[in-house]
Protein backbone atom coordinates (compact mmCIF):
# COMPACT_ATOMS: atom_id res chain seq x y z
CA MET A 1 123.74 110.58 89.40
CA SER A 2 121.21 108.57 91.43
CA ASN A 3 118.34 111.03 91.09
CA PRO A 4 117.16 110.10 87.56
CA PRO A 5 116.70 106.37 88.34
CA VAL A 6 114.79 107.26 91.50
CA ARG A 7 112.51 109.59 89.57
CA GLU A 8 111.92 106.95 86.90
CA LEU A 9 111.09 104.42 89.61
CA LYS A 10 108.53 106.75 91.15
CA ARG A 11 106.95 107.44 87.77
CA SER A 12 106.75 103.77 86.91
CA ALA A 13 105.18 103.02 90.30
CA ARG A 14 102.49 105.60 89.63
CA LEU A 15 101.70 104.07 86.26
CA GLN A 16 101.35 100.54 87.60
CA ILE A 17 97.94 98.93 87.16
CA SER A 18 96.49 97.43 90.33
CA ARG A 19 95.98 93.71 90.68
CA GLY A 20 92.24 94.27 90.99
CA MET A 21 92.13 96.18 87.71
CA LYS A 22 94.06 93.44 85.93
CA THR A 23 91.77 90.76 87.33
CA VAL A 24 88.51 92.54 86.55
CA LEU A 25 89.71 93.66 83.11
CA GLY A 26 90.78 90.13 82.19
CA ALA A 27 87.53 88.65 83.49
CA THR A 28 85.47 91.22 81.58
CA ILE A 29 87.30 90.52 78.32
CA LEU A 30 86.85 86.76 78.75
CA LEU A 31 83.18 87.29 79.59
CA TYR A 32 82.57 89.29 76.42
CA ILE A 33 84.34 86.63 74.35
CA ALA A 34 82.21 83.90 75.93
CA SER A 35 79.09 86.02 75.42
CA ALA A 36 79.87 86.49 71.72
CA LEU A 37 80.42 82.76 71.22
CA ILE A 38 77.68 81.28 73.41
CA ALA A 39 75.01 84.00 73.64
CA PRO A 40 75.50 86.49 70.79
CA THR A 41 72.27 88.31 71.63
CA SER A 42 73.81 89.47 74.92
CA VAL A 43 76.41 91.55 73.05
CA SER A 44 74.06 92.93 70.41
CA LYS A 45 73.73 96.68 70.06
CA ILE A 46 70.23 96.72 71.54
CA ALA A 47 71.26 94.59 74.52
CA GLN A 48 74.34 96.70 75.25
CA LEU A 49 72.48 99.99 75.00
CA GLY A 50 69.91 98.62 77.42
CA MET A 51 72.53 97.33 79.86
CA LEU A 52 75.11 100.13 79.90
CA PRO A 53 72.94 102.78 81.68
CA PHE A 54 72.34 100.38 84.57
CA ALA A 55 76.02 99.46 84.62
CA ALA A 56 76.82 103.18 84.86
CA CYS A 57 74.42 103.59 87.80
CA LEU A 58 75.95 100.59 89.56
CA ALA A 59 79.42 101.99 88.90
CA ILE A 60 78.51 105.32 90.51
CA ILE A 61 77.02 103.54 93.51
CA GLY A 62 80.12 101.35 93.69
CA LEU A 63 82.31 104.44 93.82
CA GLY A 64 80.44 105.61 96.90
CA GLN A 65 80.72 102.20 98.51
CA THR A 66 84.46 102.20 97.73
CA LEU A 67 84.92 105.39 99.75
CA VAL A 68 83.14 103.87 102.73
CA VAL A 69 85.03 100.56 102.51
CA GLN A 70 88.31 102.47 102.40
CA GLN A 71 87.43 103.77 105.86
CA GLY A 72 86.83 100.24 107.10
CA GLY A 73 83.03 100.34 106.91
CA ILE A 74 80.18 98.95 104.83
CA ASP A 75 77.21 101.10 103.85
CA LEU A 76 73.91 99.21 103.85
CA SER A 77 71.84 102.36 103.40
CA VAL A 78 72.34 102.15 99.62
CA ALA A 79 68.88 100.76 98.96
CA GLY A 80 67.05 103.40 100.96
CA ALA A 81 69.20 106.25 99.61
CA VAL A 82 68.67 105.33 95.96
CA SER A 83 64.97 104.57 96.43
CA LEU A 84 64.33 107.85 98.25
CA THR A 85 66.12 109.80 95.53
CA VAL A 86 64.05 108.13 92.82
CA VAL A 87 60.85 108.96 94.72
CA ILE A 88 61.85 112.58 95.26
CA VAL A 89 62.73 113.23 91.60
CA THR A 90 59.58 111.51 90.31
CA TRP A 91 56.92 112.29 92.94
CA GLY A 92 58.14 115.82 93.61
CA PRO A 93 57.81 117.13 90.04
CA ASP A 94 54.70 115.00 89.34
CA ARG A 95 55.61 115.07 85.59
CA ASN A 96 56.02 118.83 85.71
CA ASP A 97 59.39 119.79 84.18
CA ASP A 98 59.48 123.12 86.02
CA ARG A 99 59.62 121.32 89.38
CA LEU A 100 62.46 118.99 88.42
CA ILE A 101 65.43 121.15 89.48
CA PRO A 102 64.01 121.93 92.97
CA ALA A 103 63.28 118.21 93.39
CA VAL A 104 66.84 117.26 92.43
CA ALA A 105 68.20 119.89 94.82
CA ALA A 106 66.01 118.47 97.60
CA ALA A 107 67.33 114.98 96.85
CA PHE A 108 70.94 116.12 97.21
CA ILE A 109 70.15 117.95 100.45
CA ALA A 110 68.58 114.77 101.80
CA ALA A 111 71.72 112.86 100.72
CA ILE A 112 73.99 115.24 102.63
CA ILE A 113 71.84 114.95 105.76
CA THR A 114 71.84 111.15 105.48
CA GLY A 115 75.62 111.06 105.10
CA LEU A 116 76.05 113.27 108.16
CA ILE A 117 73.77 111.00 110.19
CA ASN A 118 75.68 107.90 109.11
CA GLY A 119 79.02 109.53 109.87
CA PHE A 120 77.87 110.82 113.26
CA LEU A 121 76.52 107.46 114.37
CA ILE A 122 79.71 105.66 113.37
CA THR A 123 82.33 108.14 114.53
CA LYS A 124 80.71 109.71 117.60
CA THR A 125 78.50 106.95 119.02
CA LYS A 126 80.95 104.23 117.89
CA LEU A 127 78.22 102.10 116.35
CA ASN A 128 79.24 99.37 113.95
CA SER A 129 78.90 100.62 110.36
CA ILE A 130 76.62 97.73 109.40
CA VAL A 131 74.26 98.35 112.33
CA ALA A 132 74.25 102.13 111.91
CA THR A 133 73.66 102.19 108.15
CA LEU A 134 71.06 99.43 108.37
CA GLY A 135 69.11 101.55 110.86
CA VAL A 136 69.45 104.64 108.67
CA ASN A 137 68.28 102.56 105.71
CA ALA A 138 65.08 101.72 107.59
CA LEU A 139 64.63 105.41 108.35
CA LEU A 140 65.03 106.30 104.66
CA TYR A 141 62.46 103.69 103.69
CA GLY A 142 60.07 105.18 106.22
CA VAL A 143 60.47 108.63 104.67
CA MET A 144 60.10 107.15 101.19
CA MET A 145 56.87 105.38 102.13
CA ALA A 146 55.51 108.55 103.72
CA LEU A 147 56.13 110.46 100.49
CA SER A 148 54.97 107.92 97.93
CA GLY A 149 52.99 105.22 99.68
CA GLY A 150 55.12 102.71 97.80
CA SER A 151 53.42 103.25 94.45
CA PRO A 152 55.37 104.22 91.30
CA ARG A 153 55.00 107.40 89.27
CA ARG A 154 56.23 108.32 85.80
CA THR A 155 59.33 110.44 85.41
CA THR A 156 59.34 113.86 83.78
CA ASP A 157 60.11 114.23 80.08
CA ARG A 158 62.96 116.60 80.90
CA LEU A 159 64.75 114.09 83.12
CA SER A 160 64.11 111.26 80.69
CA ASN A 161 65.58 113.19 77.79
CA PHE A 162 68.51 114.38 79.89
CA THR A 163 69.58 110.83 80.79
CA ASN A 164 68.58 108.95 77.63
CA ASP A 165 69.68 111.31 74.86
CA LYS A 166 72.79 110.07 73.08
CA ILE A 167 76.20 111.44 72.18
CA LEU A 168 78.26 109.38 69.74
CA GLY A 169 75.74 106.58 70.06
CA LEU A 170 75.91 106.31 73.86
CA PRO A 171 73.29 107.59 76.34
CA HIS A 172 74.21 110.49 78.60
CA SER A 173 73.93 108.19 81.61
CA VAL A 174 76.99 106.25 80.46
CA TYR A 175 79.05 109.43 80.29
CA PHE A 176 77.94 110.36 83.81
CA GLY A 177 79.36 107.06 85.03
CA ILE A 178 82.64 107.65 83.20
CA ILE A 179 82.95 111.24 84.47
CA ALA A 180 82.21 110.21 88.07
CA THR A 181 84.85 107.47 87.86
CA ILE A 182 87.47 109.87 86.51
CA ILE A 183 86.75 112.50 89.19
CA VAL A 184 86.87 110.05 92.11
CA THR A 185 90.00 108.36 90.75
CA ILE A 186 91.85 111.66 90.35
CA LEU A 187 90.84 112.85 93.82
CA LEU A 188 92.00 109.63 95.46
CA LYS A 189 95.11 108.92 93.43
CA ARG A 190 96.48 112.31 92.39
CA THR A 191 95.81 114.69 95.28
CA VAL A 192 97.08 115.25 98.81
CA PHE A 193 93.52 114.78 100.04
CA GLY A 194 93.42 111.32 98.48
CA ARG A 195 96.68 110.22 100.09
CA ARG A 196 95.52 111.46 103.48
CA PHE A 197 92.14 109.80 102.98
CA GLU A 198 93.82 106.44 102.33
CA ALA A 199 96.15 106.94 105.29
CA VAL A 200 93.19 107.51 107.62
CA GLY A 201 91.49 104.38 106.34
CA ALA A 202 94.62 102.26 106.66
CA ASN A 203 95.43 103.26 110.24
CA PRO A 204 93.22 105.86 111.96
CA ARG A 205 95.36 105.96 115.11
CA ALA A 206 98.57 106.60 113.22
CA ALA A 207 96.80 109.21 111.09
CA TYR A 208 95.52 110.94 114.23
CA ALA A 209 99.03 110.92 115.70
CA THR A 210 100.31 112.75 112.62
CA GLY A 211 97.72 115.50 113.07
CA LEU A 212 95.10 114.44 110.50
CA LYS A 213 91.44 115.20 111.22
CA VAL A 214 90.36 111.55 111.24
CA VAL A 215 86.70 112.15 112.06
CA ARG A 216 86.33 114.67 109.23
CA TYR A 217 87.65 112.20 106.69
CA GLN A 218 85.46 109.40 108.00
CA ILE A 219 82.29 111.50 108.02
CA GLY A 220 83.25 112.93 104.64
CA ALA A 221 83.42 109.41 103.21
CA TYR A 222 79.78 108.76 104.13
CA VAL A 223 78.62 112.16 102.88
CA CYS A 224 80.40 111.75 99.53
CA ALA A 225 79.04 108.22 99.25
CA GLN A 226 75.48 109.48 99.71
CA LEU A 227 76.04 112.16 97.08
CA LEU A 228 77.13 109.45 94.64
CA TYR A 229 74.12 107.28 95.53
CA CYS A 230 71.91 110.29 94.94
CA THR A 231 73.50 110.91 91.55
CA ALA A 232 72.81 107.30 90.57
CA GLY A 233 69.24 107.61 91.84
CA VAL A 234 68.61 110.70 89.72
CA ILE A 235 69.94 108.87 86.66
CA LEU A 236 67.79 105.82 87.41
CA GLY A 237 64.77 108.08 87.75
CA GLY A 238 65.35 109.22 84.17
CA VAL A 239 66.47 105.94 82.60
CA ILE A 240 63.33 104.09 83.76
CA SER A 241 60.13 105.67 82.53
CA GLN A 242 58.11 104.51 85.54
CA PRO A 243 60.50 103.52 88.35
CA THR A 244 59.27 101.72 91.42
CA ALA A 245 59.59 103.07 94.94
CA TYR A 246 62.02 100.25 95.75
CA GLN A 247 64.44 100.87 92.89
CA GLY A 248 67.52 100.65 95.11
CA ASP A 249 66.89 97.15 96.46
CA ASP A 250 69.00 95.46 93.79
CA TYR A 251 72.13 97.52 94.44
CA VAL A 252 73.17 96.69 98.00
CA LEU A 253 75.03 93.40 97.53
CA PRO A 254 76.37 94.25 94.04
CA SER A 255 77.80 97.54 95.34
CA VAL A 256 79.87 95.66 97.93
CA ALA A 257 80.74 92.89 95.48
CA ILE A 258 82.24 95.15 92.83
CA VAL A 259 84.33 96.93 95.48
CA VAL A 260 85.83 93.61 96.58
CA LEU A 261 86.22 92.42 92.98
CA GLY A 262 88.11 95.63 92.27
CA GLY A 263 90.67 94.76 94.93
CA THR A 264 89.73 97.19 97.70
CA SER A 265 90.27 95.57 101.10
CA LEU A 266 87.30 95.42 103.46
CA LEU A 267 89.72 96.32 106.25
CA GLY A 268 90.22 99.81 104.82
CA GLY A 269 93.12 101.67 103.29
CA ARG A 270 93.91 101.84 99.59
CA GLY A 271 91.01 101.82 97.17
CA PHE A 272 90.67 101.30 93.46
CA PRO A 273 87.62 103.23 92.17
CA ALA A 274 88.32 102.57 88.48
CA ALA A 275 88.48 98.83 89.13
CA SER A 276 85.20 99.03 91.07
CA ALA A 277 83.55 100.80 88.14
CA LEU A 278 84.82 98.16 85.72
CA GLY A 279 83.48 95.50 88.10
CA ALA A 280 80.02 97.03 87.61
CA LEU A 281 80.31 96.44 83.87
CA PHE A 282 81.42 92.86 84.51
CA LEU A 283 78.46 92.13 86.80
CA LYS A 284 75.87 93.65 84.50
CA GLN A 285 77.26 91.86 81.44
CA LEU A 286 77.32 88.61 83.40
CA ASP A 287 73.67 89.11 84.27
CA MET A 288 72.91 89.88 80.61
CA PHE A 289 74.83 86.77 79.50
CA VAL A 290 72.96 84.45 81.87
CA LEU A 291 69.64 86.09 81.01
CA SER A 292 70.26 85.51 77.28
CA LEU A 293 70.66 81.79 77.96
CA GLY A 294 67.05 81.71 79.14
CA VAL A 295 67.79 80.12 82.52
CA PRO A 296 65.49 80.66 85.52
CA TYR A 297 66.10 83.54 87.88
CA GLY A 298 67.29 81.20 90.63
CA VAL A 299 70.01 79.76 88.40
CA ARG A 300 71.06 83.29 87.40
CA THR A 301 71.47 84.17 91.06
CA ILE A 302 73.56 81.07 91.73
CA VAL A 303 75.84 81.72 88.75
CA ILE A 304 76.43 85.33 89.76
CA SER A 305 77.03 84.34 93.40
CA LEU A 306 79.58 81.70 92.38
CA SER A 307 81.42 84.20 90.20
CA LEU A 308 81.56 86.65 93.10
CA MET A 309 82.86 83.97 95.45
CA LEU A 310 85.56 83.10 92.94
CA GLY A 311 86.53 86.75 92.52
CA ILE A 312 86.67 87.35 96.26
CA ALA A 313 88.75 84.21 96.76
CA LEU A 314 91.42 85.65 94.49
CA TYR A 315 92.15 88.30 97.13
CA ALA A 316 91.00 86.73 100.39
CA VAL A 317 92.86 83.42 100.12
CA ASN A 318 96.64 83.22 100.30
CA TRP A 319 97.08 80.49 97.72
CA LYS A 320 100.81 80.16 98.34
CA SER A 321 100.27 79.32 101.97
CA VAL A 322 97.49 76.89 101.02
CA ASN A 323 99.81 75.00 98.68
CA PHE A 324 102.51 75.06 101.31
CA SER A 325 100.22 73.62 103.95
CA PHE A 326 99.19 70.81 101.64
CA LYS A 327 102.81 69.95 100.90
CA LYS A 328 103.63 70.03 104.58
CA ARG A 329 100.80 67.65 105.36
CA ASP A 330 101.98 65.27 102.65
CA ARG A 331 105.46 65.20 104.15
CA GLU A 332 104.04 64.57 107.60
CA LEU A 333 102.01 61.62 106.30
CA GLN A 334 105.00 59.91 104.66
CA PRO A 335 106.11 56.74 106.49
CA ILE A 336 109.37 56.88 108.40
């Protein structure tokens, strides 16, 4: 007689929406309402079609960063990985469509090698993830400069059409972001691999004691993250007609920010890839909203930074204990 309620409880627990998803979803809805009332041009069809491809790229990059953060690390090689991919898929073909597929394959091979290097440095040499990935990022920039000299080059027509053509009014790049989010979410939340992956991130020692291959999961996180960065870089190489050699510079801090906004703890463990992807939409729309107001770039940066601080405070600060401490101090200050 007790089995049906237990089953219903398990099903309901699976269908629960995370706190990060609720927060980011509510903030995104409020942002769009404010945009429509204060800066209508930021929600126009032209503005949204121009913003959504970049939001999709940031979402894909954020998915990779989510995997790394779930293992208790932070990947600062995002900029170099994305920039190198853009250079490979634009300089390699040199506007020749027949060379595009080999160039894309070379970019993904480079991503796998980079992920293995990151994972090896962190798991085998015990380097801090920030130090290791920052060093690898410098290495990637060195390779990128050797290939391109830092100068931009136009993308191929084939790649441009592949990313910018539309289905149901939306560019292909947006669908790539949606598909990547669905795949990562299913793998993490609906498979044995995903549960083991989260267990390793939450407590590597306990996971090792149960027989899990901790190092494999940790290295795999960095390899999969690089593959996602590479995917975003390929899309960026097609979305922008003449991308720069430093196209990934603007994605390092936002990639970490949307992970935290989505509710994934920087200490590792459970992750929320769908919430991270939605955080990318929030950040890009916020940037579009502030840009439509015509404020200087410095003010835009301050506004976005304040919003990130507020979002992070929702998870990092225990507001109940803060209120309690204030009340306690008030009682201590009362005269006897």
